[in-house]
Amino acid sequence: MFDIGFWELSLIAIIGLVVLGPERLPVAIRTVRGWISSVRSFSDGVKNELTEELRIQELHANLKKAEQSGMKDLSPEVAASVKSLQEAAKMVTNPYLPADKKDESSKDIEQLDDNQIEKQDK
């Protein structure tokens, strides 16, 4: 990240020792290290949020493509996006059910979704 060599680090350490003294230098180093770790964690969080937002935007675009084509003859990536959205919807619908009951409820939800699609087609 920074192009700092051994001599630059030793010069910074000597200046820090002269300015802060031997009592306060370790505390200052810990404080700076804490700031750096908090900045890194913040930037990682922002990066993860942006990645997730871009993924969600891509899923929405693929869903619009699927809706426009009438859910027929979908490309593999659009079909995968629709499938992942359906799985997410199932998880949101029943988040606290045990695994064996989730399978049963997911079948019921699929039947309800199929019935809703048939009603929309009519």
N, C-alpha and C. Protein backbone atom coordinates (compact mmCIF):
# COMPACT_ATOMS: atom_id res chain seq x y z
N MET A 1 0.83 -1.18 0.00
CA MET A 1 0.00 0.00 0.00
C MET A 1 0.88 1.25 0.00
N PHE A 2 1.64 1.43 1.05
CA PHE A 2 2.59 2.53 1.08
C PHE A 2 3.97 1.98 0.79
N ASP A 3 4.77 2.77 0.12
CA ASP A 3 6.12 2.33 -0.20
C ASP A 3 7.06 2.89 0.87
N ILE A 4 6.99 2.32 2.07
CA ILE A 4 7.82 2.76 3.18
C ILE A 4 8.81 1.64 3.49
N GLY A 5 10.08 1.99 3.49
CA GLY A 5 11.12 1.02 3.76
C GLY A 5 11.55 1.03 5.21
N PHE A 6 12.59 0.27 5.49
CA PHE A 6 13.09 0.14 6.85
C PHE A 6 13.60 1.46 7.39
N TRP A 7 14.34 2.21 6.58
CA TRP A 7 14.93 3.45 7.06
C TRP A 7 13.86 4.50 7.35
N GLU A 8 12.82 4.54 6.54
CA GLU A 8 11.73 5.49 6.81
C GLU A 8 11.02 5.13 8.11
N LEU A 9 10.77 3.83 8.34
CA LEU A 9 10.13 3.41 9.58
C LEU A 9 10.99 3.71 10.80
N SER A 10 12.29 3.48 10.67
CA SER A 10 13.18 3.77 11.80
C SER A 10 13.23 5.27 12.08
N LEU A 11 13.22 6.10 11.06
CA LEU A 11 13.20 7.56 11.25
C LEU A 11 11.91 7.99 11.94
N ILE A 12 10.78 7.44 11.53
CA ILE A 12 9.49 7.76 12.17
C ILE A 12 9.52 7.32 13.63
N ALA A 13 10.08 6.14 13.92
CA ALA A 13 10.16 5.64 15.29
C ALA A 13 11.03 6.54 16.16
N ILE A 14 12.15 6.99 15.63
CA ILE A 14 13.05 7.88 16.40
C ILE A 14 12.37 9.22 16.67
N ILE A 15 11.72 9.79 15.66
CA ILE A 15 11.01 11.07 15.86
C ILE A 15 9.88 10.89 16.87
N GLY A 16 9.16 9.79 16.78
CA GLY A 16 8.08 9.52 17.73
C GLY A 16 8.61 9.36 19.14
N LEU A 17 9.75 8.72 19.28
CA LEU A 17 10.37 8.53 20.59
C LEU A 17 10.81 9.86 21.18
N VAL A 18 11.36 10.72 20.34
CA VAL A 18 11.82 12.04 20.82
C VAL A 18 10.63 12.92 21.19
N VAL A 19 9.61 12.93 20.34
CA VAL A 19 8.46 13.81 20.57
C VAL A 19 7.58 13.31 21.71
N LEU A 20 7.24 12.04 21.71
CA LEU A 20 6.30 11.51 22.70
C LEU A 20 6.98 10.99 23.96
N GLY A 21 8.16 10.53 23.84
CA GLY A 21 8.83 9.96 25.00
C GLY A 21 8.55 8.48 25.12
N PRO A 22 9.35 7.78 25.93
CA PRO A 22 9.19 6.32 26.02
C PRO A 22 7.93 5.88 26.76
N GLU A 23 7.32 6.76 27.56
CA GLU A 23 6.11 6.37 28.29
C GLU A 23 4.87 6.40 27.39
N ARG A 24 4.79 7.43 26.55
CA ARG A 24 3.58 7.60 25.75
C ARG A 24 3.66 6.97 24.36
N LEU A 25 4.82 6.60 23.90
CA LEU A 25 4.97 6.02 22.56
C LEU A 25 4.18 4.71 22.39
N PRO A 26 4.24 3.75 23.32
CA PRO A 26 3.44 2.52 23.13
C PRO A 26 1.93 2.78 23.09
N VAL A 27 1.47 3.73 23.91
CA VAL A 27 0.05 4.08 23.90
C VAL A 27 -0.34 4.69 22.55
N ALA A 28 0.51 5.55 22.02
CA ALA A 28 0.24 6.17 20.72
C ALA A 28 0.22 5.12 19.61
N ILE A 29 1.13 4.16 19.70
CA ILE A 29 1.16 3.10 18.68
C ILE A 29 -0.11 2.26 18.74
N ARG A 30 -0.55 1.91 19.97
CA ARG A 30 -1.80 1.15 20.10
C ARG A 30 -3.00 1.93 19.57
N THR A 31 -3.03 3.24 19.85
CA THR A 31 -4.13 4.08 19.38
C THR A 31 -4.18 4.13 17.86
N VAL A 32 -3.03 4.33 17.24
CA VAL A 32 -2.97 4.38 15.77
C VAL A 32 -3.36 3.04 15.18
N ARG A 33 -2.89 1.95 15.82
CA ARG A 33 -3.25 0.62 15.34
C ARG A 33 -4.76 0.40 15.44
N GLY A 34 -5.39 0.89 16.52
CA GLY A 34 -6.85 0.79 16.66
C GLY A 34 -7.57 1.57 15.58
N TRP A 35 -7.08 2.77 15.27
CA TRP A 35 -7.69 3.57 14.20
C TRP A 35 -7.59 2.85 12.86
N ILE A 36 -6.43 2.30 12.59
CA ILE A 36 -6.24 1.61 11.31
C ILE A 36 -7.15 0.40 11.21
N SER A 37 -7.28 -0.36 12.30
CA SER A 37 -8.16 -1.54 12.25
C SER A 37 -9.62 -1.14 12.10
N SER A 38 -10.03 -0.03 12.73
CA SER A 38 -11.42 0.41 12.57
C SER A 38 -11.68 0.91 11.15
N VAL A 39 -10.71 1.59 10.56
CA VAL A 39 -10.86 2.04 9.17
C VAL A 39 -10.94 0.84 8.24
N ARG A 40 -10.11 -0.17 8.48
CA ARG A 40 -10.15 -1.37 7.64
C ARG A 40 -11.49 -2.09 7.76
N SER A 41 -11.99 -2.22 8.98
CA SER A 41 -13.27 -2.91 9.15
C SER A 41 -14.40 -2.11 8.51
N PHE A 42 -14.34 -0.79 8.62
CA PHE A 42 -15.35 0.05 7.97
C PHE A 42 -15.30 -0.10 6.46
N SER A 43 -14.09 -0.08 5.89
CA SER A 43 -13.98 -0.21 4.43
C SER A 43 -14.41 -1.60 3.97
N ASP A 44 -14.14 -2.63 4.75
CA ASP A 44 -14.62 -3.97 4.40
C ASP A 44 -16.14 -4.04 4.43
N GLY A 45 -16.74 -3.39 5.42
CA GLY A 45 -18.20 -3.37 5.51
C GLY A 45 -18.82 -2.65 4.33
N VAL A 46 -18.24 -1.51 3.95
CA VAL A 46 -18.74 -0.76 2.79
C VAL A 46 -18.58 -1.59 1.53
N LYS A 47 -17.45 -2.25 1.40
CA LYS A 47 -17.20 -3.09 0.21
C LYS A 47 -18.23 -4.21 0.13
N ASN A 48 -18.50 -4.86 1.25
CA ASN A 48 -19.49 -5.95 1.27
C ASN A 48 -20.88 -5.44 0.94
N GLU A 49 -21.24 -4.27 1.47
CA GLU A 49 -22.56 -3.71 1.17
C GLU A 49 -22.69 -3.36 -0.30
N LEU A 50 -21.66 -2.77 -0.87
CA LEU A 50 -21.71 -2.43 -2.30
C LEU A 50 -21.80 -3.68 -3.16
N THR A 51 -21.05 -4.70 -2.80
CA THR A 51 -21.11 -5.96 -3.55
C THR A 51 -22.51 -6.55 -3.49
N GLU A 52 -23.10 -6.53 -2.30
CA GLU A 52 -24.45 -7.07 -2.13
C GLU A 52 -25.48 -6.25 -2.90
N GLU A 53 -25.34 -4.93 -2.88
CA GLU A 53 -26.27 -4.07 -3.64
C GLU A 53 -26.15 -4.33 -5.13
N LEU A 54 -24.93 -4.50 -5.63
CA LEU A 54 -24.76 -4.79 -7.05
C LEU A 54 -25.36 -6.14 -7.41
N ARG A 55 -25.21 -7.11 -6.52
CA ARG A 55 -25.80 -8.43 -6.75
C ARG A 55 -27.32 -8.34 -6.78
N ILE A 56 -27.88 -7.58 -5.86
CA ILE A 56 -29.34 -7.41 -5.81
C ILE A 56 -29.84 -6.70 -7.07
N GLN A 57 -29.09 -5.69 -7.51
CA GLN A 57 -29.49 -4.98 -8.72
C GLN A 57 -29.45 -5.91 -9.93
N GLU A 58 -28.44 -6.76 -10.01
CA GLU A 58 -28.35 -7.72 -11.10
C GLU A 58 -29.51 -8.71 -11.05
N LEU A 59 -29.87 -9.17 -9.84
CA LEU A 59 -31.00 -10.08 -9.70
C LEU A 59 -32.30 -9.43 -10.15
N HIS A 60 -32.48 -8.15 -9.79
CA HIS A 60 -33.69 -7.44 -10.22
C HIS A 60 -33.74 -7.30 -11.74
N ALA A 61 -32.60 -6.99 -12.35
CA ALA A 61 -32.56 -6.87 -13.81
C ALA A 61 -32.90 -8.21 -14.46
N ASN A 62 -32.34 -9.29 -13.91
CA ASN A 62 -32.64 -10.61 -14.47
C ASN A 62 -34.10 -10.99 -14.26
N LEU A 63 -34.66 -10.59 -13.14
CA LEU A 63 -36.08 -10.87 -12.88
C LEU A 63 -36.96 -10.11 -13.86
N LYS A 64 -36.61 -8.87 -14.16
CA LYS A 64 -37.38 -8.10 -15.15
C LYS A 64 -37.31 -8.75 -16.52
N LYS A 65 -36.11 -9.24 -16.88
CA LYS A 65 -35.98 -9.95 -18.16
C LYS A 65 -36.86 -11.19 -18.18
N ALA A 66 -36.89 -11.90 -17.06
CA ALA A 66 -37.70 -13.12 -16.98
C ALA A 66 -39.18 -12.79 -17.07
N GLU A 67 -39.60 -11.72 -16.42
CA GLU A 67 -41.01 -11.33 -16.47
C GLU A 67 -41.39 -10.89 -17.87
N GLN A 68 -40.50 -10.19 -18.55
CA GLN A 68 -40.80 -9.73 -19.90
C GLN A 68 -40.91 -10.88 -20.88
N SER A 69 -40.13 -11.92 -20.63
CA SER A 69 -40.20 -13.08 -21.54
C SER A 69 -41.29 -14.06 -21.12
N GLY A 70 -42.02 -13.75 -20.07
CA GLY A 70 -43.10 -14.62 -19.64
C GLY A 70 -42.63 -15.87 -18.93
N MET A 71 -41.45 -15.85 -18.36
CA MET A 71 -40.86 -16.98 -17.62
C MET A 71 -40.67 -18.20 -18.52
N LYS A 72 -40.52 -17.99 -19.80
CA LYS A 72 -40.30 -19.09 -20.74
C LYS A 72 -39.01 -18.83 -21.49
N ASP A 73 -38.31 -19.88 -21.85
CA ASP A 73 -37.07 -19.81 -22.62
C ASP A 73 -36.07 -18.84 -21.98
N LEU A 74 -35.77 -19.09 -20.72
CA LEU A 74 -34.84 -18.23 -19.99
C LEU A 74 -33.41 -18.69 -20.21
N SER A 75 -32.51 -17.74 -20.25
CA SER A 75 -31.09 -18.09 -20.31
C SER A 75 -30.67 -18.70 -18.97
N PRO A 76 -29.61 -19.47 -18.95
CA PRO A 76 -29.21 -20.14 -17.70
C PRO A 76 -28.94 -19.16 -16.55
N GLU A 77 -28.32 -18.01 -16.84
CA GLU A 77 -28.04 -17.07 -15.75
C GLU A 77 -29.32 -16.43 -15.23
N VAL A 78 -30.26 -16.14 -16.10
CA VAL A 78 -31.54 -15.56 -15.65
C VAL A 78 -32.32 -16.60 -14.86
N ALA A 79 -32.30 -17.86 -15.31
CA ALA A 79 -33.00 -18.92 -14.59
C ALA A 79 -32.38 -19.12 -13.20
N ALA A 80 -31.06 -19.05 -13.12
CA ALA A 80 -30.40 -19.18 -11.81
C ALA A 80 -30.78 -18.03 -10.90
N SER A 81 -30.88 -16.82 -11.45
CA SER A 81 -31.26 -15.66 -10.65
C SER A 81 -32.69 -15.80 -10.13
N VAL A 82 -33.58 -16.24 -11.00
CA VAL A 82 -34.97 -16.43 -10.59
C VAL A 82 -35.06 -17.51 -9.51
N LYS A 83 -34.29 -18.57 -9.68
CA LYS A 83 -34.30 -19.64 -8.68
C LYS A 83 -33.77 -19.14 -7.33
N SER A 84 -32.70 -18.36 -7.35
CA SER A 84 -32.16 -17.84 -6.08
C SER A 84 -33.14 -16.87 -5.44
N LEU A 85 -33.86 -16.09 -6.24
CA LEU A 85 -34.87 -15.19 -5.68
C LEU A 85 -36.03 -15.98 -5.08
N GLN A 86 -36.42 -17.06 -5.72
CA GLN A 86 -37.49 -17.89 -5.16
C GLN A 86 -37.06 -18.52 -3.85
N GLU A 87 -35.81 -18.99 -3.78
CA GLU A 87 -35.32 -19.58 -2.53
C GLU A 87 -35.25 -18.53 -1.42
N ALA A 88 -34.84 -17.32 -1.76
CA ALA A 88 -34.79 -16.24 -0.76
C ALA A 88 -36.19 -15.90 -0.28
N ALA A 89 -37.15 -15.90 -1.20
CA ALA A 89 -38.53 -15.63 -0.80
C ALA A 89 -39.06 -16.71 0.13
N LYS A 90 -38.69 -17.95 -0.13
CA LYS A 90 -39.11 -19.05 0.75
C LYS A 90 -38.52 -18.90 2.14
N MET A 91 -37.24 -18.51 2.19
CA MET A 91 -36.59 -18.34 3.49
C MET A 91 -37.21 -17.18 4.27
N VAL A 92 -37.59 -16.12 3.57
CA VAL A 92 -38.20 -14.97 4.24
C VAL A 92 -39.60 -15.32 4.72
N THR A 93 -40.31 -16.14 3.96
CA THR A 93 -41.67 -16.49 4.33
C THR A 93 -41.71 -17.29 5.62
N ASN A 94 -40.83 -18.26 5.78
CA ASN A 94 -40.80 -19.12 6.97
C ASN A 94 -39.37 -19.21 7.52
N PRO A 95 -38.87 -18.17 8.18
CA PRO A 95 -37.47 -18.21 8.60
C PRO A 95 -37.19 -19.08 9.81
N TYR A 96 -38.20 -19.42 10.62
CA TYR A 96 -37.94 -20.11 11.88
C TYR A 96 -38.38 -21.56 11.89
N LEU A 97 -38.73 -22.10 10.76
CA LEU A 97 -39.14 -23.50 10.72
C LEU A 97 -37.93 -24.41 10.70
N PRO A 98 -38.04 -25.61 11.30
CA PRO A 98 -36.95 -26.59 11.19
C PRO A 98 -36.76 -27.03 9.74
N ALA A 99 -35.64 -27.67 9.47
CA ALA A 99 -35.29 -28.02 8.09
C ALA A 99 -36.31 -28.94 7.45
N ASP A 100 -36.83 -29.95 8.18
CA ASP A 100 -37.78 -30.88 7.58
C ASP A 100 -39.11 -30.21 7.29
N LYS A 101 -39.52 -29.25 8.12
CA LYS A 101 -40.77 -28.55 7.86
C LYS A 101 -40.61 -27.52 6.76
N LYS A 102 -39.39 -27.00 6.58
CA LYS A 102 -39.15 -26.05 5.50
C LYS A 102 -39.37 -26.72 4.15
N ASP A 103 -38.95 -27.97 4.03
CA ASP A 103 -39.14 -28.68 2.77
C ASP A 103 -40.62 -28.83 2.46
N GLU A 104 -41.43 -29.17 3.47
CA GLU A 104 -42.87 -29.31 3.26
C GLU A 104 -43.50 -27.97 2.93
N SER A 105 -43.11 -26.92 3.66
CA SER A 105 -43.70 -25.61 3.42
C SER A 105 -43.26 -25.05 2.08
N SER A 106 -42.03 -25.38 1.64
CA SER A 106 -41.58 -24.88 0.34
C SER A 106 -42.40 -25.50 -0.78
N LYS A 107 -42.82 -26.77 -0.62
CA LYS A 107 -43.68 -27.39 -1.62
C LYS A 107 -45.03 -26.69 -1.66
N ASP A 108 -45.56 -26.34 -0.47
CA ASP A 108 -46.83 -25.63 -0.42
C ASP A 108 -46.71 -24.25 -1.07
N ILE A 109 -45.59 -23.57 -0.82
CA ILE A 109 -45.38 -22.24 -1.39
C ILE A 109 -45.25 -22.34 -2.91
N GLU A 110 -44.56 -23.38 -3.40
CA GLU A 110 -44.43 -23.56 -4.85
C GLU A 110 -45.80 -23.77 -5.48
N GLN A 111 -46.66 -24.53 -4.80
CA GLN A 111 -47.99 -24.74 -5.33
C GLN A 111 -48.78 -23.44 -5.34
N LEU A 112 -48.65 -22.64 -4.28
CA LEU A 112 -49.33 -21.36 -4.25
C LEU A 112 -48.80 -20.43 -5.34
N ASP A 113 -47.49 -20.42 -5.55
CA ASP A 113 -46.91 -19.59 -6.60
C ASP A 113 -47.41 -20.03 -7.97
N ASP A 114 -47.48 -21.34 -8.20
CA ASP A 114 -47.99 -21.84 -9.48
C ASP A 114 -49.45 -21.44 -9.68
N ASN A 115 -50.25 -21.51 -8.60
CA ASN A 115 -51.65 -21.10 -8.69
C ASN A 115 -51.77 -19.61 -9.00
N GLN A 116 -50.92 -18.79 -8.40
CA GLN A 116 -50.96 -17.36 -8.66
C GLN A 116 -50.56 -17.05 -10.09
N ILE A 117 -49.58 -17.76 -10.61
CA ILE A 117 -49.17 -17.56 -11.99
C ILE A 117 -50.29 -17.94 -12.95
N GLU A 118 -50.99 -19.05 -12.66
CA GLU A 118 -52.10 -19.47 -13.50
C GLU A 118 -53.22 -18.44 -13.47
N LYS A 119 -53.49 -17.86 -12.29
CA LYS A 119 -54.54 -16.85 -12.19
C LYS A 119 -54.17 -15.60 -12.98
N GLN A 120 -52.88 -15.24 -12.97
CA GLN A 120 -52.45 -14.06 -13.71
C GLN A 120 -52.54 -14.29 -15.21
N ASP A 121 -52.32 -15.51 -15.65
CA ASP A 121 -52.39 -15.82 -17.06
C ASP A 121 -53.82 -15.74 -17.57
N LYS A 122 -54.79 -16.01 -16.71
CA LYS A 122 -56.19 -15.99 -17.12
C LYS A 122 -56.64 -14.58 -17.20
